[in-house]
N, C-alpha and C. Protein backbone atom coordinates (compact mmCIF):
# COMPACT_ATOMS: atom_id res chain seq x y z
N UNK A 1 -47.76 -20.03 -30.52
CA UNK A 1 -47.74 -18.61 -30.82
C UNK A 1 -46.36 -18.15 -31.29
N UNK A 2 -45.29 -18.65 -30.64
CA UNK A 2 -43.93 -18.26 -31.05
C UNK A 2 -43.65 -18.69 -32.48
N UNK A 3 -44.08 -19.90 -32.85
CA UNK A 3 -43.86 -20.39 -34.20
C UNK A 3 -44.62 -19.52 -35.21
N UNK A 4 -45.84 -19.16 -34.89
CA UNK A 4 -46.62 -18.31 -35.78
C UNK A 4 -45.90 -16.99 -36.02
N UNK A 5 -45.41 -16.36 -34.96
CA UNK A 5 -44.69 -15.09 -35.09
C UNK A 5 -43.40 -15.25 -35.89
N UNK A 6 -42.69 -16.35 -35.66
CA UNK A 6 -41.46 -16.63 -36.40
C UNK A 6 -41.73 -16.63 -37.89
N UNK A 7 -42.73 -17.41 -38.32
CA UNK A 7 -43.03 -17.51 -39.75
C UNK A 7 -43.66 -16.23 -40.30
N UNK A 8 -44.45 -15.57 -39.52
CA UNK A 8 -45.05 -14.30 -39.95
C UNK A 8 -43.94 -13.28 -40.24
N UNK A 9 -42.99 -13.18 -39.34
CA UNK A 9 -41.88 -12.23 -39.53
C UNK A 9 -40.99 -12.66 -40.69
N UNK A 10 -40.68 -13.95 -40.77
CA UNK A 10 -39.83 -14.42 -41.87
C UNK A 10 -40.47 -14.13 -43.24
N UNK A 11 -41.79 -14.33 -43.34
CA UNK A 11 -42.45 -14.19 -44.65
C UNK A 11 -43.05 -12.81 -44.89
N UNK A 12 -42.76 -11.86 -44.02
CA UNK A 12 -43.12 -10.46 -44.29
C UNK A 12 -41.83 -9.65 -44.27
N UNK A 13 -41.25 -9.47 -43.12
CA UNK A 13 -40.03 -8.70 -42.92
C UNK A 13 -38.87 -9.31 -43.70
N UNK A 14 -38.78 -10.62 -43.74
CA UNK A 14 -37.69 -11.31 -44.43
C UNK A 14 -38.13 -11.97 -45.73
N UNK A 15 -39.13 -11.40 -46.39
CA UNK A 15 -39.72 -12.03 -47.57
C UNK A 15 -38.73 -12.32 -48.70
N UNK A 16 -37.84 -11.38 -49.09
CA UNK A 16 -36.99 -11.67 -50.26
C UNK A 16 -36.19 -12.97 -50.14
N UNK A 17 -35.46 -13.14 -49.03
CA UNK A 17 -34.64 -14.34 -48.89
C UNK A 17 -35.48 -15.59 -48.70
N UNK A 18 -36.62 -15.47 -48.02
CA UNK A 18 -37.48 -16.64 -47.84
C UNK A 18 -38.16 -17.06 -49.13
N UNK A 19 -38.48 -16.11 -49.97
CA UNK A 19 -39.09 -16.43 -51.26
C UNK A 19 -38.09 -17.18 -52.15
N UNK A 20 -36.84 -16.70 -52.20
CA UNK A 20 -35.80 -17.40 -52.97
C UNK A 20 -35.56 -18.79 -52.37
N UNK A 21 -35.51 -18.87 -51.04
CA UNK A 21 -35.32 -20.16 -50.36
C UNK A 21 -36.46 -21.13 -50.63
N UNK A 22 -37.68 -20.63 -50.61
CA UNK A 22 -38.85 -21.48 -50.88
C UNK A 22 -38.80 -22.03 -52.30
N UNK A 23 -38.46 -21.19 -53.26
CA UNK A 23 -38.37 -21.65 -54.66
C UNK A 23 -37.29 -22.72 -54.80
N UNK A 24 -36.12 -22.49 -54.21
CA UNK A 24 -35.04 -23.49 -54.26
C UNK A 24 -35.46 -24.79 -53.59
N UNK A 25 -36.13 -24.67 -52.45
CA UNK A 25 -36.61 -25.86 -51.73
C UNK A 25 -37.59 -26.65 -52.60
N UNK A 26 -38.55 -25.97 -53.23
CA UNK A 26 -39.54 -26.64 -54.06
C UNK A 26 -38.90 -27.35 -55.26
N UNK A 27 -37.85 -26.75 -55.80
CA UNK A 27 -37.14 -27.38 -56.92
C UNK A 27 -36.37 -28.62 -56.46
N UNK A 28 -35.74 -28.54 -55.29
CA UNK A 28 -34.84 -29.61 -54.83
C UNK A 28 -35.52 -30.71 -54.01
N UNK A 29 -36.69 -30.45 -53.45
CA UNK A 29 -37.26 -31.39 -52.47
C UNK A 29 -37.56 -32.78 -53.03
N UNK A 30 -37.80 -32.91 -54.32
CA UNK A 30 -38.09 -34.23 -54.89
C UNK A 30 -36.85 -35.09 -55.04
N UNK A 31 -35.70 -34.44 -55.22
CA UNK A 31 -34.47 -35.20 -55.45
C UNK A 31 -33.51 -35.20 -54.26
N UNK A 32 -33.83 -34.45 -53.23
CA UNK A 32 -32.93 -34.33 -52.09
C UNK A 32 -33.65 -34.69 -50.79
N UNK A 33 -32.89 -35.22 -49.85
CA UNK A 33 -33.41 -35.48 -48.51
C UNK A 33 -33.67 -34.15 -47.81
N UNK A 34 -34.77 -34.08 -47.08
CA UNK A 34 -35.09 -32.88 -46.31
C UNK A 34 -35.47 -33.28 -44.88
N UNK A 35 -35.32 -32.32 -43.97
CA UNK A 35 -35.75 -32.55 -42.59
C UNK A 35 -36.06 -31.21 -41.94
N UNK A 36 -36.86 -31.25 -40.91
CA UNK A 36 -37.13 -30.06 -40.11
C UNK A 36 -36.00 -29.91 -39.10
N UNK A 37 -35.63 -28.67 -38.86
CA UNK A 37 -34.60 -28.38 -37.86
C UNK A 37 -35.04 -27.11 -37.15
N UNK A 38 -35.48 -27.28 -35.92
CA UNK A 38 -36.08 -26.19 -35.15
C UNK A 38 -37.21 -25.61 -36.00
N UNK A 39 -37.12 -24.36 -36.41
CA UNK A 39 -38.21 -23.79 -37.23
C UNK A 39 -37.80 -23.63 -38.69
N UNK A 40 -36.79 -24.37 -39.10
CA UNK A 40 -36.34 -24.28 -40.49
C UNK A 40 -36.51 -25.63 -41.18
N UNK A 41 -36.26 -25.63 -42.47
CA UNK A 41 -36.25 -26.86 -43.26
C UNK A 41 -34.86 -26.98 -43.85
N UNK A 42 -34.23 -28.13 -43.62
CA UNK A 42 -32.90 -28.38 -44.19
C UNK A 42 -33.06 -29.29 -45.39
N UNK A 43 -32.41 -28.91 -46.48
CA UNK A 43 -32.35 -29.72 -47.68
C UNK A 43 -30.90 -30.12 -47.87
N UNK A 44 -30.66 -31.42 -48.01
CA UNK A 44 -29.31 -31.94 -48.18
C UNK A 44 -29.00 -32.03 -49.67
N UNK A 45 -28.09 -31.19 -50.12
CA UNK A 45 -27.74 -31.08 -51.52
C UNK A 45 -26.58 -32.02 -51.83
N UNK A 46 -26.78 -32.89 -52.82
CA UNK A 46 -25.76 -33.87 -53.19
C UNK A 46 -24.89 -33.28 -54.30
N UNK A 47 -24.04 -32.34 -53.92
CA UNK A 47 -23.14 -31.68 -54.87
C UNK A 47 -21.76 -31.61 -54.23
N UNK A 48 -20.75 -32.02 -54.97
CA UNK A 48 -19.38 -32.03 -54.46
C UNK A 48 -18.96 -30.62 -54.02
N UNK A 49 -18.31 -30.54 -52.86
CA UNK A 49 -17.79 -29.30 -52.29
C UNK A 49 -18.86 -28.28 -51.91
N UNK A 50 -20.11 -28.71 -51.81
CA UNK A 50 -21.14 -27.78 -51.37
C UNK A 50 -21.12 -27.73 -49.85
N UNK A 51 -21.05 -26.54 -49.29
CA UNK A 51 -21.02 -26.38 -47.84
C UNK A 51 -22.41 -26.17 -47.29
N UNK A 52 -22.75 -24.92 -47.09
CA UNK A 52 -24.06 -24.60 -46.54
C UNK A 52 -24.53 -23.24 -47.03
N UNK A 53 -25.84 -23.07 -47.02
CA UNK A 53 -26.47 -21.84 -47.46
C UNK A 53 -27.79 -21.70 -46.73
N UNK A 54 -28.03 -20.53 -46.22
CA UNK A 54 -29.29 -20.26 -45.54
C UNK A 54 -30.00 -19.14 -46.28
N UNK A 55 -31.26 -19.36 -46.60
CA UNK A 55 -32.10 -18.34 -47.23
C UNK A 55 -33.37 -18.24 -46.39
N UNK A 56 -33.32 -17.38 -45.38
CA UNK A 56 -34.44 -17.29 -44.45
C UNK A 56 -34.53 -18.57 -43.66
N UNK A 57 -35.70 -19.17 -43.65
CA UNK A 57 -35.86 -20.41 -42.88
C UNK A 57 -35.64 -21.66 -43.73
N UNK A 58 -35.00 -21.50 -44.88
CA UNK A 58 -34.65 -22.62 -45.74
C UNK A 58 -33.12 -22.76 -45.75
N UNK A 59 -32.66 -23.92 -45.31
CA UNK A 59 -31.23 -24.18 -45.18
C UNK A 59 -30.86 -25.29 -46.15
N UNK A 60 -29.73 -25.11 -46.83
CA UNK A 60 -29.23 -26.09 -47.79
C UNK A 60 -27.81 -26.46 -47.36
N UNK A 61 -27.56 -27.77 -47.20
CA UNK A 61 -26.29 -28.25 -46.68
C UNK A 61 -25.79 -29.40 -47.56
N UNK A 62 -24.47 -29.45 -47.75
CA UNK A 62 -23.86 -30.55 -48.51
C UNK A 62 -24.15 -31.88 -47.85
N UNK A 63 -24.63 -32.82 -48.63
CA UNK A 63 -25.07 -34.11 -48.10
C UNK A 63 -23.93 -35.06 -47.77
N UNK A 64 -22.79 -34.89 -48.40
CA UNK A 64 -21.72 -35.89 -48.27
C UNK A 64 -20.67 -35.51 -47.23
N UNK A 65 -21.06 -34.78 -46.23
CA UNK A 65 -20.11 -34.36 -45.19
C UNK A 65 -20.18 -35.29 -43.98
N UNK A 66 -19.17 -35.19 -43.12
CA UNK A 66 -19.12 -36.01 -41.91
C UNK A 66 -20.17 -35.53 -40.91
N UNK A 67 -20.56 -36.44 -40.01
CA UNK A 67 -21.63 -36.15 -39.05
C UNK A 67 -21.35 -34.94 -38.15
N UNK A 68 -20.11 -34.83 -37.63
CA UNK A 68 -19.78 -33.70 -36.76
C UNK A 68 -19.91 -32.38 -37.52
N UNK A 69 -19.41 -32.37 -38.75
CA UNK A 69 -19.50 -31.17 -39.57
C UNK A 69 -20.96 -30.82 -39.84
N UNK A 70 -21.77 -31.82 -40.17
CA UNK A 70 -23.19 -31.57 -40.43
C UNK A 70 -23.88 -31.00 -39.19
N UNK A 71 -23.60 -31.57 -38.05
CA UNK A 71 -24.19 -31.09 -36.79
C UNK A 71 -23.88 -29.61 -36.58
N UNK A 72 -22.60 -29.26 -36.69
CA UNK A 72 -22.18 -27.88 -36.42
C UNK A 72 -22.67 -26.92 -37.50
N UNK A 73 -22.70 -27.38 -38.74
CA UNK A 73 -23.15 -26.52 -39.83
C UNK A 73 -24.65 -26.23 -39.72
N UNK A 74 -25.42 -27.18 -39.23
CA UNK A 74 -26.84 -26.92 -38.98
C UNK A 74 -27.00 -25.77 -37.99
N UNK A 75 -26.23 -25.79 -36.93
CA UNK A 75 -26.28 -24.72 -35.92
C UNK A 75 -25.88 -23.39 -36.56
N UNK A 76 -24.78 -23.40 -37.30
CA UNK A 76 -24.27 -22.19 -37.95
C UNK A 76 -25.31 -21.62 -38.93
N UNK A 77 -25.83 -22.46 -39.80
CA UNK A 77 -26.80 -21.98 -40.79
C UNK A 77 -28.10 -21.51 -40.13
N UNK A 78 -28.48 -22.15 -39.02
CA UNK A 78 -29.66 -21.68 -38.30
C UNK A 78 -29.39 -20.29 -37.72
N UNK A 79 -28.14 -20.01 -37.39
CA UNK A 79 -27.77 -18.67 -36.96
C UNK A 79 -28.05 -17.64 -38.04
N UNK A 80 -27.78 -18.01 -39.30
CA UNK A 80 -28.11 -17.11 -40.41
C UNK A 80 -29.63 -16.94 -40.53
N UNK A 81 -30.38 -17.99 -40.21
CA UNK A 81 -31.84 -17.89 -40.20
C UNK A 81 -32.30 -16.86 -39.18
N UNK A 82 -31.68 -16.86 -38.02
CA UNK A 82 -32.02 -15.88 -36.98
C UNK A 82 -31.61 -14.48 -37.43
N UNK A 83 -30.46 -14.36 -38.10
CA UNK A 83 -30.05 -13.06 -38.64
C UNK A 83 -31.11 -12.54 -39.63
N UNK A 84 -31.68 -13.42 -40.43
CA UNK A 84 -32.73 -13.04 -41.37
C UNK A 84 -33.95 -12.50 -40.62
N UNK A 85 -34.28 -13.17 -39.54
CA UNK A 85 -35.41 -12.75 -38.71
C UNK A 85 -35.19 -11.35 -38.15
N UNK A 86 -33.99 -11.07 -37.71
CA UNK A 86 -33.67 -9.78 -37.08
C UNK A 86 -33.50 -8.68 -38.12
N UNK A 87 -32.79 -8.96 -39.20
CA UNK A 87 -32.42 -7.92 -40.16
C UNK A 87 -33.41 -7.74 -41.31
N UNK A 88 -34.25 -8.73 -41.56
CA UNK A 88 -35.27 -8.62 -42.59
C UNK A 88 -34.74 -8.22 -43.95
N UNK A 89 -35.26 -7.12 -44.50
CA UNK A 89 -34.94 -6.74 -45.88
C UNK A 89 -33.49 -6.31 -46.10
N UNK A 90 -32.74 -6.01 -45.06
CA UNK A 90 -31.33 -5.64 -45.26
C UNK A 90 -30.41 -6.86 -45.15
N UNK A 91 -30.96 -8.02 -44.75
CA UNK A 91 -30.17 -9.24 -44.60
C UNK A 91 -29.36 -9.58 -45.85
N UNK A 92 -29.95 -9.50 -47.06
CA UNK A 92 -29.14 -9.85 -48.24
C UNK A 92 -27.88 -9.00 -48.38
N UNK A 93 -27.94 -7.74 -47.97
CA UNK A 93 -26.82 -6.83 -48.14
C UNK A 93 -25.83 -6.88 -46.97
N UNK A 94 -26.35 -7.06 -45.75
CA UNK A 94 -25.52 -7.04 -44.55
C UNK A 94 -24.91 -8.41 -44.25
N UNK A 95 -25.60 -9.47 -44.62
CA UNK A 95 -25.15 -10.83 -44.30
C UNK A 95 -24.81 -11.65 -45.55
N UNK A 96 -25.77 -11.82 -46.44
CA UNK A 96 -25.59 -12.74 -47.57
C UNK A 96 -24.48 -12.32 -48.51
N UNK A 97 -24.47 -11.09 -48.95
CA UNK A 97 -23.46 -10.64 -49.90
C UNK A 97 -22.04 -10.73 -49.33
N UNK A 98 -21.79 -10.18 -48.13
CA UNK A 98 -20.44 -10.35 -47.57
C UNK A 98 -20.06 -11.82 -47.37
N UNK A 99 -21.02 -12.65 -46.98
CA UNK A 99 -20.75 -14.06 -46.77
C UNK A 99 -20.37 -14.76 -48.07
N UNK A 100 -21.10 -14.50 -49.14
CA UNK A 100 -20.82 -15.11 -50.43
C UNK A 100 -19.45 -14.67 -50.94
N UNK A 101 -19.15 -13.39 -50.80
CA UNK A 101 -17.85 -12.87 -51.23
C UNK A 101 -16.73 -13.50 -50.41
N UNK A 102 -16.89 -13.55 -49.11
CA UNK A 102 -15.88 -14.12 -48.20
C UNK A 102 -15.64 -15.60 -48.49
N UNK A 103 -16.70 -16.31 -48.78
CA UNK A 103 -16.62 -17.75 -49.00
C UNK A 103 -16.03 -18.11 -50.36
N UNK A 104 -16.36 -17.34 -51.40
CA UNK A 104 -16.07 -17.78 -52.76
C UNK A 104 -15.01 -17.01 -53.53
N UNK A 105 -14.60 -15.85 -53.05
CA UNK A 105 -13.59 -15.07 -53.78
C UNK A 105 -12.22 -15.72 -53.61
N UNK A 106 -11.57 -16.08 -54.72
CA UNK A 106 -10.27 -16.77 -54.62
C UNK A 106 -9.26 -16.04 -53.74
N UNK A 107 -9.25 -14.72 -53.77
CA UNK A 107 -8.31 -13.96 -52.94
C UNK A 107 -8.54 -14.25 -51.45
N UNK A 108 -9.80 -14.30 -51.01
CA UNK A 108 -10.10 -14.55 -49.61
C UNK A 108 -9.89 -16.02 -49.25
N UNK A 109 -10.20 -16.91 -50.16
CA UNK A 109 -9.94 -18.34 -49.93
C UNK A 109 -8.45 -18.56 -49.72
N UNK A 110 -7.64 -17.97 -50.58
CA UNK A 110 -6.18 -18.08 -50.49
C UNK A 110 -5.66 -17.46 -49.19
N UNK A 111 -6.19 -16.27 -48.83
CA UNK A 111 -5.76 -15.60 -47.61
C UNK A 111 -6.06 -16.45 -46.37
N UNK A 112 -7.27 -17.02 -46.33
CA UNK A 112 -7.62 -17.86 -45.18
C UNK A 112 -6.67 -19.05 -45.07
N UNK A 113 -6.36 -19.65 -46.22
CA UNK A 113 -5.49 -20.82 -46.22
C UNK A 113 -4.04 -20.46 -45.87
N UNK A 114 -3.49 -19.45 -46.52
CA UNK A 114 -2.09 -19.09 -46.33
C UNK A 114 -1.81 -18.47 -44.96
N UNK A 115 -2.73 -17.68 -44.45
CA UNK A 115 -2.50 -16.98 -43.18
C UNK A 115 -3.21 -17.63 -41.99
N UNK A 116 -3.90 -18.74 -42.26
CA UNK A 116 -4.58 -19.45 -41.18
C UNK A 116 -5.72 -18.67 -40.56
N UNK A 117 -6.42 -17.87 -41.37
CA UNK A 117 -7.54 -17.07 -40.88
C UNK A 117 -8.79 -17.93 -40.88
N UNK A 118 -9.49 -17.96 -39.78
CA UNK A 118 -10.71 -18.76 -39.67
C UNK A 118 -11.81 -18.19 -40.57
N UNK A 119 -12.58 -19.08 -41.15
CA UNK A 119 -13.76 -18.68 -41.93
C UNK A 119 -14.72 -17.87 -41.06
N UNK A 120 -14.73 -18.16 -39.77
CA UNK A 120 -15.67 -17.52 -38.84
C UNK A 120 -15.15 -16.19 -38.30
N UNK A 121 -14.00 -15.75 -38.79
CA UNK A 121 -13.45 -14.45 -38.42
C UNK A 121 -14.35 -13.32 -38.91
N UNK A 122 -14.95 -13.46 -40.08
CA UNK A 122 -15.82 -12.43 -40.64
C UNK A 122 -17.04 -12.25 -39.74
N UNK A 123 -17.40 -11.00 -39.51
CA UNK A 123 -18.47 -10.67 -38.56
C UNK A 123 -19.75 -11.47 -38.76
N UNK A 124 -20.20 -11.62 -40.00
CA UNK A 124 -21.48 -12.29 -40.23
C UNK A 124 -21.40 -13.79 -39.95
N UNK A 125 -20.21 -14.39 -40.10
CA UNK A 125 -20.05 -15.82 -39.85
C UNK A 125 -19.91 -16.12 -38.36
N UNK A 126 -19.10 -15.34 -37.66
CA UNK A 126 -18.97 -15.51 -36.22
C UNK A 126 -20.29 -15.24 -35.51
N UNK A 127 -20.99 -14.21 -35.98
CA UNK A 127 -22.29 -13.85 -35.41
C UNK A 127 -23.30 -14.97 -35.62
N UNK A 128 -23.27 -15.61 -36.80
CA UNK A 128 -24.18 -16.73 -37.07
C UNK A 128 -23.94 -17.86 -36.08
N UNK A 129 -22.67 -18.13 -35.76
CA UNK A 129 -22.38 -19.19 -34.78
C UNK A 129 -22.97 -18.85 -33.41
N UNK A 130 -22.79 -17.61 -32.98
CA UNK A 130 -23.32 -17.21 -31.66
C UNK A 130 -24.84 -17.27 -31.63
N UNK A 131 -25.50 -16.75 -32.65
CA UNK A 131 -26.97 -16.78 -32.69
C UNK A 131 -27.48 -18.22 -32.82
N UNK A 132 -26.80 -19.03 -33.62
CA UNK A 132 -27.22 -20.42 -33.80
C UNK A 132 -27.16 -21.21 -32.51
N UNK A 133 -26.07 -21.05 -31.77
CA UNK A 133 -25.95 -21.74 -30.48
C UNK A 133 -27.02 -21.26 -29.50
N UNK A 134 -27.24 -19.96 -29.46
CA UNK A 134 -28.22 -19.41 -28.52
C UNK A 134 -29.64 -19.86 -28.87
N UNK A 135 -29.96 -19.88 -30.15
CA UNK A 135 -31.32 -20.23 -30.58
C UNK A 135 -31.61 -21.72 -30.47
N UNK A 136 -30.62 -22.55 -30.79
CA UNK A 136 -30.84 -24.00 -30.78
C UNK A 136 -30.56 -24.63 -29.43
N UNK A 137 -29.77 -23.95 -28.60
CA UNK A 137 -29.31 -24.48 -27.31
C UNK A 137 -28.49 -25.77 -27.52
N UNK A 138 -27.76 -25.80 -28.63
CA UNK A 138 -26.91 -26.93 -28.94
C UNK A 138 -25.45 -26.49 -28.91
N UNK A 139 -24.57 -27.42 -28.65
CA UNK A 139 -23.13 -27.14 -28.58
C UNK A 139 -22.45 -27.63 -29.85
N UNK A 140 -21.38 -26.93 -30.24
CA UNK A 140 -20.56 -27.40 -31.34
C UNK A 140 -19.78 -28.63 -30.88
N UNK A 141 -19.50 -29.52 -31.82
CA UNK A 141 -18.76 -30.74 -31.47
C UNK A 141 -17.47 -30.89 -32.26
N UNK A 142 -17.35 -30.26 -33.41
CA UNK A 142 -16.13 -30.42 -34.21
C UNK A 142 -15.05 -29.43 -33.76
N UNK A 143 -13.82 -29.87 -33.87
CA UNK A 143 -12.68 -29.08 -33.40
C UNK A 143 -12.63 -27.71 -34.08
N UNK A 144 -12.90 -27.66 -35.37
CA UNK A 144 -12.83 -26.39 -36.11
C UNK A 144 -13.80 -25.36 -35.54
N UNK A 145 -15.02 -25.76 -35.30
CA UNK A 145 -16.01 -24.82 -34.76
C UNK A 145 -15.66 -24.42 -33.33
N UNK A 146 -15.23 -25.37 -32.53
CA UNK A 146 -14.90 -25.08 -31.13
C UNK A 146 -13.69 -24.15 -31.03
N UNK A 147 -12.67 -24.39 -31.85
CA UNK A 147 -11.43 -23.60 -31.76
C UNK A 147 -11.51 -22.24 -32.44
N UNK A 148 -12.35 -22.11 -33.48
CA UNK A 148 -12.33 -20.86 -34.26
C UNK A 148 -13.72 -20.25 -34.49
N UNK A 149 -14.75 -20.83 -33.92
CA UNK A 149 -16.13 -20.43 -34.25
C UNK A 149 -16.59 -19.09 -33.74
N UNK A 150 -15.87 -18.48 -32.81
CA UNK A 150 -16.27 -17.17 -32.28
C UNK A 150 -15.39 -16.09 -32.88
N UNK A 151 -15.68 -15.72 -34.12
CA UNK A 151 -14.92 -14.69 -34.82
C UNK A 151 -13.44 -15.05 -34.91
N UNK A 152 -13.18 -16.35 -35.15
CA UNK A 152 -11.82 -16.84 -35.30
C UNK A 152 -11.17 -17.28 -34.00
N UNK A 153 -11.86 -17.10 -32.89
CA UNK A 153 -11.31 -17.47 -31.58
C UNK A 153 -12.11 -18.64 -31.01
N UNK A 154 -11.60 -19.26 -29.94
CA UNK A 154 -12.34 -20.38 -29.34
C UNK A 154 -13.72 -19.97 -28.83
N UNK A 155 -14.65 -20.89 -28.98
CA UNK A 155 -16.02 -20.68 -28.51
C UNK A 155 -16.05 -20.91 -27.01
N UNK A 156 -16.51 -19.93 -26.28
CA UNK A 156 -16.64 -20.09 -24.83
C UNK A 156 -17.93 -20.85 -24.54
N UNK A 157 -17.93 -21.67 -23.49
CA UNK A 157 -19.15 -22.39 -23.14
C UNK A 157 -20.30 -21.41 -22.85
N UNK A 158 -21.46 -21.70 -23.39
CA UNK A 158 -22.65 -20.90 -23.14
C UNK A 158 -23.28 -21.33 -21.82
N UNK A 159 -24.21 -20.53 -21.33
CA UNK A 159 -24.88 -20.85 -20.07
C UNK A 159 -25.54 -22.22 -20.13
N UNK A 160 -26.17 -22.54 -21.27
CA UNK A 160 -26.84 -23.85 -21.36
C UNK A 160 -25.82 -24.98 -21.35
N UNK A 161 -24.60 -24.76 -21.87
CA UNK A 161 -23.57 -25.79 -21.83
C UNK A 161 -23.06 -25.98 -20.40
N UNK A 162 -22.86 -24.88 -19.70
CA UNK A 162 -22.41 -24.95 -18.31
C UNK A 162 -23.45 -25.63 -17.42
N UNK A 163 -24.72 -25.32 -17.66
CA UNK A 163 -25.81 -25.91 -16.88
C UNK A 163 -25.90 -27.42 -17.12
N UNK A 164 -25.63 -27.86 -18.35
CA UNK A 164 -25.69 -29.29 -18.67
C UNK A 164 -24.53 -30.08 -18.08
N UNK A 165 -23.41 -29.40 -17.75
CA UNK A 165 -22.24 -30.10 -17.17
C UNK A 165 -22.43 -30.39 -15.70
N UNK A 166 -23.32 -29.68 -15.03
CA UNK A 166 -23.50 -29.86 -13.58
C UNK A 166 -24.22 -31.14 -13.27
């Protein structure tokens, strides 16, 4: 029942981003590796310097990255999937547009590099990390995500992480 509601909401309330994601998935699925991840589909894009992109329940991740980075990026991008579920038709404006600008504008890329500002400092990116961890019940493993994944600050252990340590 939960899965049915997830997809019903994604393909009604979050239709615009899921429709674009579905089209991209259908175009890429023959030439790219794909896998299920929780209630999403991940497509591994073989393009140099490609990071990650979430369009509803369709996630696209650079295929040539290290395992730790891939693990953490799956969690992060799934957080954007949850944001899509919550925000629906305003997701493209509240999450996607600021994220694309923050990620790709040379001024912001330079600022992050020169001033040591975490990519996850921006509200939509830090929020994606928190939602992704909560929804997947998985922990980050790479130093970058652990040290800066909570709006540029260290990620505090979640209840499920504390419970697993006992």
